[in-house]
Amino acid sequence: MTRLGWKPVDILAKLDILLDAIEQTRNKTPSNKSRLMTKISRWEEQIEQIKGDIEYVNHNLAPKLETMLSLKITNLELLQVAMFQPSTKNLFLELETHYRSEGTNPLGNHGFADLIALGEIAMVIALLGDAAIAMGVLYQLWRPEPSDVGHLTQEKSEIVSNEHMAEVCDRWGLYEHRIHLDSEVPSRAEIEHDKGTLVEAIYGIIQMEYGFGSVLDNVRHLL
């Protein structure tokens, strides 16, 4: 079994540190600086929202997936990261800019960089899952007869299509567990793409924690 390494981000701990830093900023900010006070309130609200979303993933999504896939998600942070969307990036960029301008860094070296990159890390996990799914589906559909090659290609395309992957996402309840700060309503095509990416991320986690053999076993959920 080949497992891929993972350096913990310690997301929840970093968010708590940020909340403490923001509270200190609030306490020393004059009340007449309404623009900054408005930002501070938004920062606190968005961080609390992200923390709540993470707890929802931990206590609701994780056990549901473990039951459906018959495996233990040993590293919950991987699942948390997989649910992060690019829309969280601006919050952490804004906080980094603010504290850098004050000459402080409550998170230390690389702390902000880790949080800023969460959406991109989620995409990399999904990219790994996409590759694992493609290979797993081919293994499951493979037939030795040369004349069946055309059917294999067509069947694989249908299985990994955004439309079909979105249906799997709905069965697993992934979309409502996204960790995001979107204000705009995405198009149907964007939603289907995002749903497919979430499914791919789950298979990326399986590949990271258990290797391709477990991916191959669980590809049946897509067929």
Protein backbone atom coordinates (compact mmCIF):
# COMPACT_ATOMS: atom_id res chain seq x y z
CA MET A 1 0.00 0.00 0.00
CA THR A 2 1.43 3.39 -1.03
CA ARG A 3 0.52 6.33 1.18
CA LEU A 4 1.25 9.96 0.42
CA GLY A 5 2.56 12.24 3.15
CA TRP A 6 0.63 15.15 4.64
CA LYS A 7 1.94 17.99 6.80
CA PRO A 8 -0.83 19.16 9.15
CA VAL A 9 -2.14 22.70 8.65
CA ASP A 10 -3.83 22.83 12.08
CA ILE A 11 -6.68 24.86 10.62
CA LEU A 12 -8.86 25.14 13.72
CA ALA A 13 -5.92 26.15 15.92
CA LYS A 14 -4.90 28.85 13.45
CA LEU A 15 -8.47 30.15 13.25
CA ASP A 16 -8.61 30.43 17.05
CA ILE A 17 -5.32 32.36 17.05
CA LEU A 18 -6.75 34.71 14.43
CA LEU A 19 -9.90 35.28 16.47
CA ASP A 20 -7.77 36.22 19.49
CA ALA A 21 -5.68 38.59 17.37
CA ILE A 22 -8.79 40.18 15.86
CA GLU A 23 -10.28 40.66 19.32
CA GLN A 24 -7.11 42.46 20.40
CA THR A 25 -7.36 44.63 17.29
CA ARG A 26 -10.96 45.47 18.16
CA ASN A 27 -10.04 46.43 21.72
CA LYS A 28 -7.34 48.87 20.64
CA THR A 29 -9.23 50.38 17.68
CA PRO A 30 -10.93 53.74 18.38
CA SER A 31 -14.70 53.54 17.94
CA ASN A 32 -14.65 56.37 15.40
CA LYS A 33 -12.71 54.17 12.95
CA SER A 34 -15.95 52.72 11.64
CA ARG A 35 -14.48 51.26 8.44
CA LEU A 36 -11.96 49.12 10.32
CA MET A 37 -14.56 48.16 12.94
CA THR A 38 -16.84 46.95 10.14
CA LYS A 39 -13.98 44.86 8.73
CA ILE A 40 -13.26 43.42 12.16
CA SER A 41 -16.88 42.33 12.57
CA ARG A 42 -16.86 40.70 9.13
CA TRP A 43 -13.58 38.91 9.83
CA GLU A 44 -14.96 37.49 13.06
CA GLU A 45 -18.22 36.44 11.41
CA GLN A 46 -16.49 34.72 8.49
CA ILE A 47 -13.99 32.87 10.68
CA GLU A 48 -16.78 31.67 12.96
CA GLN A 49 -18.67 30.53 9.86
CA ILE A 50 -15.65 28.55 8.65
CA LYS A 51 -15.20 26.99 12.09
CA GLY A 52 -18.85 25.97 12.12
CA ASP A 53 -18.53 24.48 8.63
CA ILE A 54 -15.49 22.47 9.73
CA GLU A 55 -17.37 21.09 12.74
CA TYR A 56 -20.25 20.17 10.41
CA VAL A 57 -17.80 18.25 8.21
CA ASN A 58 -16.29 16.50 11.24
CA HIS A 59 -19.52 15.47 12.92
CA ASN A 60 -21.87 14.94 9.99
CA LEU A 61 -20.04 14.28 6.72
CA ALA A 62 -17.13 12.20 8.03
CA PRO A 63 -19.22 9.47 9.72
CA LYS A 64 -21.60 9.40 6.75
CA LEU A 65 -18.75 8.81 4.29
CA GLU A 66 -17.12 6.23 6.54
CA THR A 67 -20.36 4.25 6.61
CA MET A 68 -20.93 4.45 2.85
CA LEU A 69 -17.33 3.68 1.90
CA SER A 70 -16.71 1.16 4.71
CA LEU A 71 -13.40 2.76 5.64
CA LYS A 72 -12.07 5.04 8.36
CA ILE A 73 -11.02 8.57 7.48
CA THR A 74 -7.97 8.59 9.72
CA ASN A 75 -7.00 12.21 9.04
CA LEU A 76 -10.03 14.46 9.39
CA GLU A 77 -8.04 17.50 8.32
CA LEU A 78 -7.70 16.02 4.84
CA LEU A 79 -11.49 15.93 4.57
CA GLN A 80 -11.74 19.46 5.95
CA VAL A 81 -9.25 20.77 3.38
CA ALA A 82 -11.00 18.89 0.57
CA MET A 83 -14.19 20.84 1.31
CA PHE A 84 -12.51 24.26 1.10
CA GLN A 85 -13.43 26.42 -1.88
CA PRO A 86 -11.35 29.20 -3.50
CA SER A 87 -13.67 31.88 -2.08
CA THR A 88 -12.03 31.60 1.37
CA LYS A 89 -8.74 32.88 -0.02
CA ASN A 90 -9.63 36.58 0.04
CA LEU A 91 -10.40 36.56 3.77
CA PHE A 92 -6.96 35.24 4.68
CA LEU A 93 -5.23 37.50 2.15
CA GLU A 94 -6.98 40.49 3.69
CA LEU A 95 -5.99 39.47 7.21
CA GLU A 96 -2.38 38.88 6.17
CA THR A 97 -2.24 42.32 4.54
CA HIS A 98 -3.70 43.99 7.62
CA TYR A 99 -1.32 42.41 10.12
CA ARG A 100 1.69 42.83 7.86
CA SER A 101 0.92 46.57 7.68
CA GLU A 102 0.95 46.59 11.49
CA GLY A 103 4.29 44.80 11.55
CA THR A 104 2.85 41.73 13.26
CA ASN A 105 2.16 38.14 12.28
CA PRO A 106 -0.05 36.25 14.74
CA LEU A 107 0.38 32.97 12.83
CA GLY A 108 4.17 32.99 12.49
CA ASN A 109 6.07 31.73 9.46
CA HIS A 110 3.92 30.25 6.67
CA GLY A 111 0.76 30.38 8.81
CA PHE A 112 -1.14 32.73 6.55
CA ALA A 113 0.29 31.04 3.44
CA ASP A 114 -1.19 27.71 4.56
CA LEU A 115 -4.66 29.21 5.05
CA ILE A 116 -4.53 31.22 1.83
CA ALA A 117 -3.67 28.06 -0.12
CA LEU A 118 -6.45 25.84 1.29
CA GLY A 119 -8.68 26.11 -1.78
CA GLU A 120 -5.74 25.31 -4.06
CA ILE A 121 -4.69 22.37 -1.89
CA ALA A 122 -8.25 21.05 -2.19
CA MET A 123 -7.91 21.23 -5.97
CA VAL A 124 -4.67 19.23 -5.85
CA ILE A 125 -6.34 16.54 -3.72
CA ALA A 126 -9.14 16.45 -6.31
CA LEU A 127 -6.58 16.23 -9.12
CA LEU A 128 -5.08 13.17 -7.45
CA GLY A 129 -8.56 11.71 -7.10
CA ASP A 130 -9.35 12.42 -10.74
CA ALA A 131 -6.31 10.43 -11.85
CA ALA A 132 -7.12 7.59 -9.43
CA ILE A 133 -10.75 7.46 -10.59
CA ALA A 134 -9.73 7.36 -14.25
CA MET A 135 -7.45 4.40 -13.66
CA GLY A 136 -9.90 2.65 -11.34
CA VAL A 137 -12.80 2.95 -13.76
CA LEU A 138 -10.67 1.57 -16.59
CA TYR A 139 -9.69 -1.39 -14.41
CA GLN A 140 -13.34 -2.11 -13.57
CA LEU A 141 -14.57 -1.78 -17.17
CA TRP A 142 -11.67 -3.57 -18.85
CA ARG A 143 -12.50 -6.39 -21.24
CA PRO A 144 -9.89 -8.42 -23.09
CA GLU A 145 -11.68 -8.35 -26.46
CA PRO A 146 -10.21 -5.72 -28.84
CA SER A 147 -13.66 -5.05 -30.29
CA ASP A 148 -14.85 -3.75 -26.90
CA VAL A 149 -12.39 -0.85 -26.77
CA GLY A 150 -14.89 1.62 -28.21
CA HIS A 151 -17.52 0.67 -25.64
CA LEU A 152 -14.97 1.00 -22.84
CA THR A 153 -14.09 4.55 -23.88
CA GLN A 154 -17.74 5.58 -24.09
CA GLU A 155 -18.66 3.99 -20.75
CA LYS A 156 -15.72 5.65 -19.01
CA SER A 157 -16.65 9.05 -20.43
CA GLU A 158 -20.20 8.70 -19.14
CA ILE A 159 -19.07 7.62 -15.67
CA VAL A 160 -16.59 10.48 -15.17
CA SER A 161 -18.82 13.14 -16.74
CA ASN A 162 -19.69 16.16 -14.61
CA GLU A 163 -23.36 15.27 -14.81
CA HIS A 164 -22.87 11.76 -13.43
CA MET A 165 -20.34 12.84 -10.81
CA ALA A 166 -22.78 15.53 -9.66
CA GLU A 167 -25.37 12.80 -9.06
CA VAL A 168 -22.86 10.91 -6.91
CA CYS A 169 -22.09 14.13 -5.04
CA ASP A 170 -25.79 14.56 -4.29
CA ARG A 171 -26.09 10.98 -3.00
CA TRP A 172 -23.16 11.56 -0.69
CA GLY A 173 -24.32 15.00 0.44
CA LEU A 174 -20.99 16.66 -0.31
CA TYR A 175 -22.11 19.96 -1.80
CA GLU A 176 -23.84 21.24 1.33
CA HIS A 177 -20.63 20.59 3.27
CA ARG A 178 -18.52 22.97 1.19
CA ILE A 179 -16.48 25.45 3.19
CA HIS A 180 -16.91 28.65 1.26
CA LEU A 181 -17.62 32.37 1.43
CA ASP A 182 -19.31 32.79 -1.96
CA SER A 183 -21.66 35.71 -2.39
CA GLU A 184 -22.66 35.02 -6.00
CA VAL A 185 -24.96 32.22 -7.14
CA PRO A 186 -23.02 29.93 -9.53
CA SER A 187 -24.41 28.67 -12.82
CA ARG A 188 -25.69 25.13 -13.21
CA ALA A 189 -22.57 24.16 -15.15
CA GLU A 190 -20.35 25.60 -12.41
CA ILE A 191 -22.31 23.74 -9.74
CA GLU A 192 -21.96 20.43 -11.61
CA HIS A 193 -18.24 21.02 -12.05
CA ASP A 194 -17.82 21.84 -8.36
CA LYS A 195 -19.79 18.74 -7.38
CA GLY A 196 -17.61 16.55 -9.57
CA THR A 197 -14.50 18.08 -8.04
CA LEU A 198 -15.75 17.28 -4.54
CA VAL A 199 -16.24 13.62 -5.46
CA GLU A 200 -12.75 13.54 -6.97
CA ALA A 201 -11.37 14.98 -3.74
CA ILE A 202 -12.88 12.13 -1.73
CA TYR A 203 -11.11 9.63 -3.96
CA GLY A 204 -7.95 11.70 -3.60
CA ILE A 205 -8.19 11.21 0.17
CA ILE A 206 -8.71 7.47 -0.29
CA GLN A 207 -5.62 7.34 -2.53
CA MET A 208 -3.58 9.31 0.02
CA GLU A 209 -4.64 7.27 3.04
CA TYR A 210 -5.09 3.77 1.63
CA GLY A 211 -3.57 3.60 -1.85
CA PHE A 212 -4.95 2.59 -5.23
CA GLY A 213 -6.29 -0.79 -4.09
CA SER A 214 -8.87 0.96 -1.93
CA VAL A 215 -9.72 3.35 -4.76
CA LEU A 216 -10.32 0.34 -6.99
CA ASP A 217 -12.63 -1.20 -4.40
CA ASN A 218 -14.64 2.01 -4.06
CA VAL A 219 -14.94 2.87 -7.74
CA ARG A 220 -18.06 0.65 -7.69
CA HIS A 221 -19.90 3.59 -6.11
CA LEU A 222 -19.49 5.42 -9.41
CA LEU A 223 -20.61 2.61 -11.72
